Amino acid sequence: MFRRILCFGFLAFALAGCVTVQNPLSGRDVEAFRLASIHVDADDSAILW
């Protein structure tokens, strides 16, 4: 089990270096974002405590 976790950890570490994402938005563009609306539909849901 420990060997499997170690293998997945090494794989995740190796793949993390393969992905480079650049943000094309400026800081001012991000600051200008506003939340327009929120819709929550919970007809058939239940809350269990």
PDB file of N, CA and C in Angstrom:
ATOM      1  N   MET A   1       0.830  -1.193   0.000  1.00  0.00           N
ATOM      2  CA  MET A   1       0.000   0.000   0.000  1.00  0.00           C
ATOM      3  C   MET A   1       0.873   1.256   0.000  1.00  0.00           C
ATOM      4  N   PHE A   2       1.912   1.232   0.810  1.00  0.00           N
ATOM      5  CA  PHE A   2       2.814   2.379   0.871  1.00  0.00           C
ATOM      6  C   PHE A   2       3.519   2.568  -0.469  1.00  0.00           C
ATOM      7  N   ARG A   3       3.872   1.470  -1.119  1.00  0.00           N
ATOM      8  CA  ARG A   3       4.544   1.545  -2.418  1.00  0.00           C
ATOM      9  C   ARG A   3       3.626   2.180  -3.461  1.00  0.00           C
ATOM     10  N   ARG A   4       2.339   1.846  -3.417  1.00  0.00           N
ATOM     11  CA  ARG A   4       1.377   2.417  -4.364  1.00  0.00           C
ATOM     12  C   ARG A   4       1.227   3.919  -4.148  1.00  0.00           C
ATOM     13  N   ILE A   5       1.146   4.334  -2.890  1.00  0.00           N
ATOM     14  CA  ILE A   5       1.029   5.762  -2.583  1.00  0.00           C
ATOM     15  C   ILE A   5       2.277   6.504  -3.030  1.00  0.00           C
ATOM     16  N   LEU A   6       3.416   5.916  -2.790  1.00  0.00           N
ATOM     17  CA  LEU A   6       4.682   6.537  -3.197  1.00  0.00           C
ATOM     18  C   LEU A   6       4.762   6.649  -4.719  1.00  0.00           C
ATOM     19  N   CYS A   7       4.306   5.623  -5.422  1.00  0.00           N
ATOM     20  CA  CYS A   7       4.322   5.637  -6.885  1.00  0.00           C
ATOM     21  C   CYS A   7       3.402   6.729  -7.424  1.00  0.00           C
ATOM     22  N   PHE A   8       2.182   6.840  -6.884  1.00  0.00           N
ATOM     23  CA  PHE A   8       1.264   7.892  -7.325  1.00  0.00           C
ATOM     24  C   PHE A   8       1.797   9.276  -6.986  1.00  0.00           C
ATOM     25  N   GLY A   9       2.441   9.408  -5.839  1.00  0.00           N
ATOM     26  CA  GLY A   9       3.019  10.694  -5.471  1.00  0.00           C
ATOM     27  C   GLY A   9       4.117  11.106  -6.430  1.00  0.00           C
ATOM     28  N   PHE A  10       4.969  10.166  -6.792  1.00  0.00           N
ATOM     29  CA  PHE A  10       6.049  10.453  -7.736  1.00  0.00           C
ATOM     30  C   PHE A  10       5.486  10.806  -9.104  1.00  0.00           C
ATOM     31  N   LEU A  11       4.456  10.084  -9.540  1.00  0.00           N
ATOM     32  CA  LEU A  11       3.828  10.360 -10.825  1.00  0.00           C
ATOM     33  C   LEU A  11       3.194  11.755 -10.840  1.00  0.00           C
ATOM     34  N   ALA A  12       2.508  12.116  -9.758  1.00  0.00           N
ATOM     35  CA  ALA A  12       1.897  13.443  -9.670  1.00  0.00           C
ATOM     36  C   ALA A  12       2.957  14.532  -9.687  1.00  0.00           C
ATOM     37  N   PHE A  13       4.069  14.297  -9.003  1.00  0.00           N
ATOM     38  CA  PHE A  13       5.152  15.273  -8.976  1.00  0.00           C
ATOM     39  C   PHE A  13       5.770  15.430 -10.363  1.00  0.00           C
ATOM     40  N   ALA A  14       5.944  14.313 -11.070  1.00  0.00           N
ATOM     41  CA  ALA A  14       6.530  14.358 -12.404  1.00  0.00           C
ATOM     42  C   ALA A  14       5.601  15.066 -13.394  1.00  0.00           C
ATOM     43  N   LEU A  15       4.313  14.807 -13.304  1.00  0.00           N
ATOM     44  CA  LEU A  15       3.370  15.433 -14.219  1.00  0.00           C
ATOM     45  C   LEU A  15       3.129  16.900 -13.901  1.00  0.00           C
ATOM     46  N   ALA A  16       3.355  17.305 -12.667  1.00  0.00           N
ATOM     47  CA  ALA A  16       3.133  18.701 -12.292  1.00  0.00           C
ATOM     48  C   ALA A  16       4.084  19.622 -13.039  1.00  0.00           C
ATOM     49  N   GLY A  17       5.270  19.153 -13.351  1.00  0.00           N
ATOM     50  CA  GLY A  17       6.226  19.969 -14.085  1.00  0.00           C
ATOM     51  C   GLY A  17       5.926  20.049 -15.562  1.00  0.00           C
ATOM     52  N   CYS A  18       5.043  19.224 -16.078  1.00  0.00           N
ATOM     53  CA  CYS A  18       4.739  19.197 -17.509  1.00  0.00           C
ATOM     54  C   CYS A  18       3.667  20.199 -17.896  1.00  0.00           C
ATOM     55  N   VAL A  19       2.967  20.745 -16.937  1.00  0.00           N
ATOM     56  CA  VAL A  19       1.846  21.632 -17.233  1.00  0.00           C
ATOM     57  C   VAL A  19       2.217  23.050 -16.839  1.00  0.00           C
ATOM     58  N   THR A  20       2.156  23.948 -17.796  1.00  0.00           N
ATOM     59  CA  THR A  20       2.392  25.356 -17.528  1.00  0.00           C
ATOM     60  C   THR A  20       1.204  26.138 -18.067  1.00  0.00           C
ATOM     61  N   VAL A  21       0.511  26.824 -17.184  1.00  0.00           N
ATOM     62  CA  VAL A  21      -0.671  27.582 -17.578  1.00  0.00           C
ATOM     63  C   VAL A  21      -0.384  29.054 -17.339  1.00  0.00           C
ATOM     64  N   GLN A  22      -0.666  29.858 -18.344  1.00  0.00           N
ATOM     65  CA  GLN A  22      -0.471  31.294 -18.205  1.00  0.00           C
ATOM     66  C   GLN A  22      -1.827  31.979 -18.215  1.00  0.00           C
ATOM     67  N   ASN A  23      -1.991  32.959 -17.363  1.00  0.00           N
ATOM     68  CA  ASN A  23      -3.231  33.706 -17.273  1.00  0.00           C
ATOM     69  C   ASN A  23      -3.173  34.880 -18.248  1.00  0.00           C
ATOM     70  N   PRO A  24      -4.045  34.899 -19.263  1.00  0.00           N
ATOM     71  CA  PRO A  24      -4.010  36.005 -20.229  1.00  0.00           C
ATOM     72  C   PRO A  24      -4.676  37.281 -19.712  1.00  0.00           C
ATOM     73  N   LEU A  25      -5.334  37.217 -18.556  1.00  0.00           N
ATOM     74  CA  LEU A  25      -6.037  38.378 -18.025  1.00  0.00           C
ATOM     75  C   LEU A  25      -5.117  39.221 -17.149  1.00  0.00           C
ATOM     76  N   SER A  26      -5.304  40.506 -17.226  1.00  0.00           N
ATOM     77  CA  SER A  26      -4.548  41.388 -16.355  1.00  0.00           C
ATOM     78  C   SER A  26      -5.210  41.454 -14.976  1.00  0.00           C
ATOM     79  N   GLY A  27      -4.520  42.015 -14.017  1.00  0.00           N
ATOM     80  CA  GLY A  27      -5.074  42.163 -12.677  1.00  0.00           C
ATOM     81  C   GLY A  27      -6.329  43.007 -12.659  1.00  0.00           C
ATOM     82  N   ARG A  28      -6.358  44.041 -13.489  1.00  0.00           N
ATOM     83  CA  ARG A  28      -7.539  44.910 -13.549  1.00  0.00           C
ATOM     84  C   ARG A  28      -8.739  44.180 -14.147  1.00  0.00           C
ATOM     85  N   ASP A  29      -8.484  43.293 -15.125  1.00  0.00           N
ATOM     86  CA  ASP A  29      -9.586  42.513 -15.701  1.00  0.00           C
ATOM     87  C   ASP A  29     -10.213  41.610 -14.646  1.00  0.00           C
ATOM     88  N   VAL A  30      -9.392  40.996 -13.837  1.00  0.00           N
ATOM     89  CA  VAL A  30      -9.892  40.100 -12.799  1.00  0.00           C
ATOM     90  C   VAL A  30     -10.641  40.888 -11.735  1.00  0.00           C
ATOM     91  N   GLU A  31     -10.147  42.049 -11.377  1.00  0.00           N
ATOM     92  CA  GLU A  31     -10.824  42.880 -10.384  1.00  0.00           C
ATOM     93  C   GLU A  31     -12.191  43.345 -10.871  1.00  0.00           C
ATOM     94  N   ALA A  32     -12.381  43.431 -12.181  1.00  0.00           N
ATOM     95  CA  ALA A  32     -13.645  43.916 -12.739  1.00  0.00           C
ATOM     96  C   ALA A  32     -14.739  42.847 -12.745  1.00  0.00           C
ATOM     97  N   PHE A  33     -14.383  41.594 -12.476  1.00  0.00           N
ATOM     98  CA  PHE A  33     -15.393  40.527 -12.464  1.00  0.00           C
ATOM     99  C   PHE A  33     -16.383  40.754 -11.330  1.00  0.00           C
ATOM    100  N   ARG A  34     -17.648  40.517 -11.619  1.00  0.00           N
ATOM    101  CA  ARG A  34     -18.711  40.642 -10.627  1.00  0.00           C
ATOM    102  C   ARG A  34     -19.592  39.403 -10.705  1.00  0.00           C
ATOM    103  N   LEU A  35     -20.120  38.996  -9.573  1.00  0.00           N
ATOM    104  CA  LEU A  35     -21.052  37.875  -9.527  1.00  0.00           C
ATOM    105  C   LEU A  35     -22.406  38.341 -10.032  1.00  0.00           C
ATOM    106  N   ALA A  36     -22.895  37.698 -11.091  1.00  0.00           N
ATOM    107  CA  ALA A  36     -24.150  38.130 -11.703  1.00  0.00           C
ATOM    108  C   ALA A  36     -25.353  37.515 -11.012  1.00  0.00           C
ATOM    109  N   SER A  37     -25.331  36.203 -10.784  1.00  0.00           N
ATOM    110  CA  SER A  37     -26.481  35.582 -10.142  1.00  0.00           C
ATOM    111  C   SER A  37     -26.103  34.209  -9.612  1.00  0.00           C
ATOM    112  N   ILE A  38     -26.947  33.718  -8.711  1.00  0.00           N
ATOM    113  CA  ILE A  38     -26.801  32.369  -8.163  1.00  0.00           C
ATOM    114  C   ILE A  38     -28.178  31.722  -8.208  1.00  0.00           C
ATOM    115  N   HIS A  39     -28.245  30.506  -8.734  1.00  0.00           N
ATOM    116  CA  HIS A  39     -29.497  29.762  -8.783  1.00  0.00           C
ATOM    117  C   HIS A  39     -29.281  28.429  -8.091  1.00  0.00           C
ATOM    118  N   VAL A  40     -30.084  28.149  -7.079  1.00  0.00           N
ATOM    119  CA  VAL A  40     -29.998  26.889  -6.351  1.00  0.00           C
ATOM    120  C   VAL A  40     -31.335  26.194  -6.466  1.00  0.00           C
ATOM    121  N   ASP A  41     -31.319  24.960  -6.962  1.00  0.00           N
ATOM    122  CA  ASP A  41     -32.538  24.175  -7.105  1.00  0.00           C
ATOM    123  C   ASP A  41     -32.388  22.929  -6.246  1.00  0.00           C
ATOM    124  N   ALA A  42     -33.223  22.811  -5.214  1.00  0.00           N
ATOM    125  CA  ALA A  42     -33.093  21.697  -4.270  1.00  0.00           C
ATOM    126  C   ALA A  42     -34.461  21.118  -3.935  1.00  0.00           C
ATOM    127  N   ASP A  43     -35.219  20.728  -4.942  1.00  0.00           N
ATOM    128  CA  ASP A  43     -36.552  20.197  -4.712  1.00  0.00           C
ATOM    129  C   ASP A  43     -36.528  18.816  -4.052  1.00  0.00           C
ATOM    130  N   ASP A  44     -35.682  17.919  -4.525  1.00  0.00           N
ATOM    131  CA  ASP A  44     -35.675  16.544  -4.050  1.00  0.00           C
ATOM    132  C   ASP A  44     -34.505  16.244  -3.123  1.00  0.00           C
ATOM    133  N   SER A  45     -33.987  17.241  -2.454  1.00  0.00           N
ATOM    134  CA  SER A  45     -32.834  17.008  -1.586  1.00  0.00           C
ATOM    135  C   SER A  45     -33.270  16.936  -0.128  1.00  0.00           C
ATOM    136  N   ALA A  46     -32.400  16.368   0.672  1.00  0.00           N
ATOM    137  CA  ALA A  46     -32.655  16.264   2.103  1.00  0.00           C
ATOM    138  C   ALA A  46     -31.355  16.524   2.847  1.00  0.00           C
ATOM    139  N   ILE A  47     -31.476  17.113   4.011  1.00  0.00           N
ATOM    140  CA  ILE A  47     -30.318  17.377   4.866  1.00  0.00           C
ATOM    141  C   ILE A  47     -30.416  16.433   6.053  1.00  0.00           C
ATOM    142  N   LEU A  48     -29.411  15.613   6.234  1.00  0.00           N
ATOM    143  CA  LEU A  48     -29.371  14.658   7.341  1.00  0.00           C
ATOM    144  C   LEU A  48     -28.360  15.119   8.372  1.00  0.00           C
ATOM    145  N   TRP A  49     -28.780  15.143   9.623  1.00  0.00           N
ATOM    146  CA  TRP A  49     -27.858  15.537  10.691  1.00  0.00           C
ATOM    147  C   TRP A  49     -27.521  14.350  11.520  1.00  0.00           C
TER     148      TRP A  49
END
